[in-house]
Amino acid sequence: MKYHIEKNTVQETLVIPLFGRLVCFERFPELFSDPEAKRICDSLDYDF
């Protein structure tokens, strides 16, 4: 199930640091391991 994120909401604001954690996890896996950020981002209906 994908969770929809509305524009101009608190939820959209909180997606920003979550996406940052995902980028760090993908680019620097040896320094920053966060598979939970990937799982959460994959479950969101949001255009990153």
N, C-alpha and C. Protein backbone atom coordinates (compact mmCIF):
# COMPACT_ATOMS: atom_id res chain seq x y z
N MET A 1 0.84 -1.18 0.00
CA MET A 1 0.00 0.00 0.00
C MET A 1 0.89 1.25 0.00
N LYS A 2 0.58 2.16 -0.90
CA LYS A 2 1.32 3.41 -0.98
C LYS A 2 0.58 4.50 -0.19
N TYR A 3 1.32 5.27 0.58
CA TYR A 3 0.74 6.36 1.36
C TYR A 3 0.90 7.66 0.60
N HIS A 4 -0.21 8.35 0.38
CA HIS A 4 -0.20 9.60 -0.38
C HIS A 4 0.21 10.76 0.52
N ILE A 5 1.08 11.62 0.03
CA ILE A 5 1.52 12.81 0.75
C ILE A 5 0.92 14.03 0.05
N GLU A 6 0.11 14.79 0.77
CA GLU A 6 -0.51 16.00 0.21
C GLU A 6 0.53 17.13 0.13
N LYS A 7 0.37 17.99 -0.85
CA LYS A 7 1.24 19.16 -1.00
C LYS A 7 0.94 20.18 0.10
N ASN A 8 1.97 20.90 0.51
CA ASN A 8 1.86 21.98 1.51
C ASN A 8 1.31 21.51 2.85
N THR A 9 1.80 20.36 3.31
CA THR A 9 1.39 19.82 4.60
C THR A 9 2.63 19.55 5.45
N VAL A 10 2.41 19.27 6.72
CA VAL A 10 3.50 18.91 7.61
C VAL A 10 4.17 17.63 7.12
N GLN A 11 3.37 16.70 6.63
CA GLN A 11 3.93 15.43 6.15
C GLN A 11 4.91 15.67 5.00
N GLU A 12 4.58 16.61 4.12
CA GLU A 12 5.50 16.90 3.01
C GLU A 12 6.81 17.49 3.54
N THR A 13 6.72 18.34 4.55
CA THR A 13 7.91 18.93 5.15
C THR A 13 8.81 17.84 5.76
N LEU A 14 8.20 16.85 6.38
CA LEU A 14 8.98 15.79 7.02
C LEU A 14 9.58 14.81 6.02
N VAL A 15 9.14 14.85 4.78
CA VAL A 15 9.71 13.99 3.74
C VAL A 15 11.13 14.45 3.40
N ILE A 16 11.41 15.74 3.58
CA ILE A 16 12.73 16.29 3.21
C ILE A 16 13.87 15.61 3.97
N PRO A 17 13.86 15.55 5.31
CA PRO A 17 14.96 14.87 5.99
C PRO A 17 14.96 13.35 5.74
N LEU A 18 13.79 12.78 5.53
CA LEU A 18 13.72 11.35 5.21
C LEU A 18 14.41 11.08 3.88
N PHE A 19 14.17 11.93 2.89
CA PHE A 19 14.81 11.78 1.59
C PHE A 19 16.32 11.99 1.71
N GLY A 20 16.75 12.92 2.56
CA GLY A 20 18.18 13.12 2.80
C GLY A 20 18.84 11.87 3.36
N ARG A 21 18.15 11.20 4.27
CA ARG A 21 18.69 9.96 4.83
C ARG A 21 18.80 8.89 3.75
N LEU A 22 17.81 8.84 2.84
CA LEU A 22 17.85 7.87 1.75
C LEU A 22 19.03 8.15 0.81
N VAL A 23 19.25 9.41 0.48
CA VAL A 23 20.36 9.77 -0.41
C VAL A 23 21.70 9.39 0.22
N CYS A 24 21.86 9.68 1.50
CA CYS A 24 23.10 9.30 2.20
C CYS A 24 23.29 7.79 2.21
N PHE A 25 22.21 7.06 2.45
CA PHE A 25 22.26 5.60 2.47
C PHE A 25 22.68 5.05 1.11
N GLU A 26 22.17 5.65 0.02
CA GLU A 26 22.49 5.16 -1.32
C GLU A 26 23.90 5.56 -1.76
N ARG A 27 24.34 6.76 -1.42
CA ARG A 27 25.64 7.25 -1.89
C ARG A 27 26.81 6.82 -1.01
N PHE A 28 26.57 6.68 0.29
CA PHE A 28 27.64 6.35 1.23
C PHE A 28 27.23 5.18 2.13
N PRO A 29 26.99 4.00 1.55
CA PRO A 29 26.51 2.87 2.37
C PRO A 29 27.52 2.41 3.42
N GLU A 30 28.81 2.65 3.18
CA GLU A 30 29.80 2.22 4.16
C GLU A 30 29.84 3.14 5.38
N LEU A 31 29.33 4.37 5.22
CA LEU A 31 29.33 5.33 6.33
C LEU A 31 27.96 5.46 6.99
N PHE A 32 26.90 5.24 6.23
CA PHE A 32 25.56 5.54 6.72
C PHE A 32 24.61 4.43 6.29
N SER A 33 24.23 3.59 7.21
CA SER A 33 23.32 2.49 6.90
C SER A 33 21.94 2.80 7.45
N ASP A 34 20.97 2.94 6.55
CA ASP A 34 19.59 3.23 6.97
C ASP A 34 18.60 2.55 6.03
N PRO A 35 18.46 1.23 6.12
CA PRO A 35 17.51 0.54 5.24
C PRO A 35 16.06 0.91 5.54
N GLU A 36 15.81 1.40 6.74
CA GLU A 36 14.44 1.80 7.11
C GLU A 36 14.00 3.03 6.29
N ALA A 37 14.91 3.95 6.00
CA ALA A 37 14.58 5.11 5.17
C ALA A 37 14.18 4.66 3.78
N LYS A 38 14.89 3.68 3.23
CA LYS A 38 14.54 3.16 1.90
C LYS A 38 13.17 2.50 1.93
N ARG A 39 12.89 1.72 2.97
CA ARG A 39 11.60 1.04 3.06
C ARG A 39 10.46 2.05 3.15
N ILE A 40 10.65 3.09 3.95
CA ILE A 40 9.60 4.09 4.10
C ILE A 40 9.41 4.88 2.81
N CYS A 41 10.49 5.30 2.18
CA CYS A 41 10.37 6.05 0.92
C CYS A 41 9.71 5.22 -0.17
N ASP A 42 9.99 3.93 -0.19
CA ASP A 42 9.36 3.06 -1.17
C ASP A 42 7.86 2.91 -0.93
N SER A 43 7.41 3.15 0.29
CA SER A 43 5.99 2.99 0.59
C SER A 43 5.21 4.30 0.43
N LEU A 44 5.88 5.38 0.01
CA LEU A 44 5.21 6.67 -0.15
C LEU A 44 4.83 6.91 -1.59
N ASP A 45 3.66 7.50 -1.80
CA ASP A 45 3.21 7.94 -3.11
C ASP A 45 3.57 9.41 -3.23
N TYR A 46 4.85 9.67 -3.52
CA TYR A 46 5.37 11.03 -3.56
C TYR A 46 6.43 11.11 -4.64
N ASP A 47 6.40 12.19 -5.42
CA ASP A 47 7.38 12.37 -6.49
C ASP A 47 8.63 13.03 -5.93
N PHE A 48 9.65 12.23 -5.65
CA PHE A 48 10.89 12.76 -5.11
C PHE A 48 11.66 13.44 -6.21
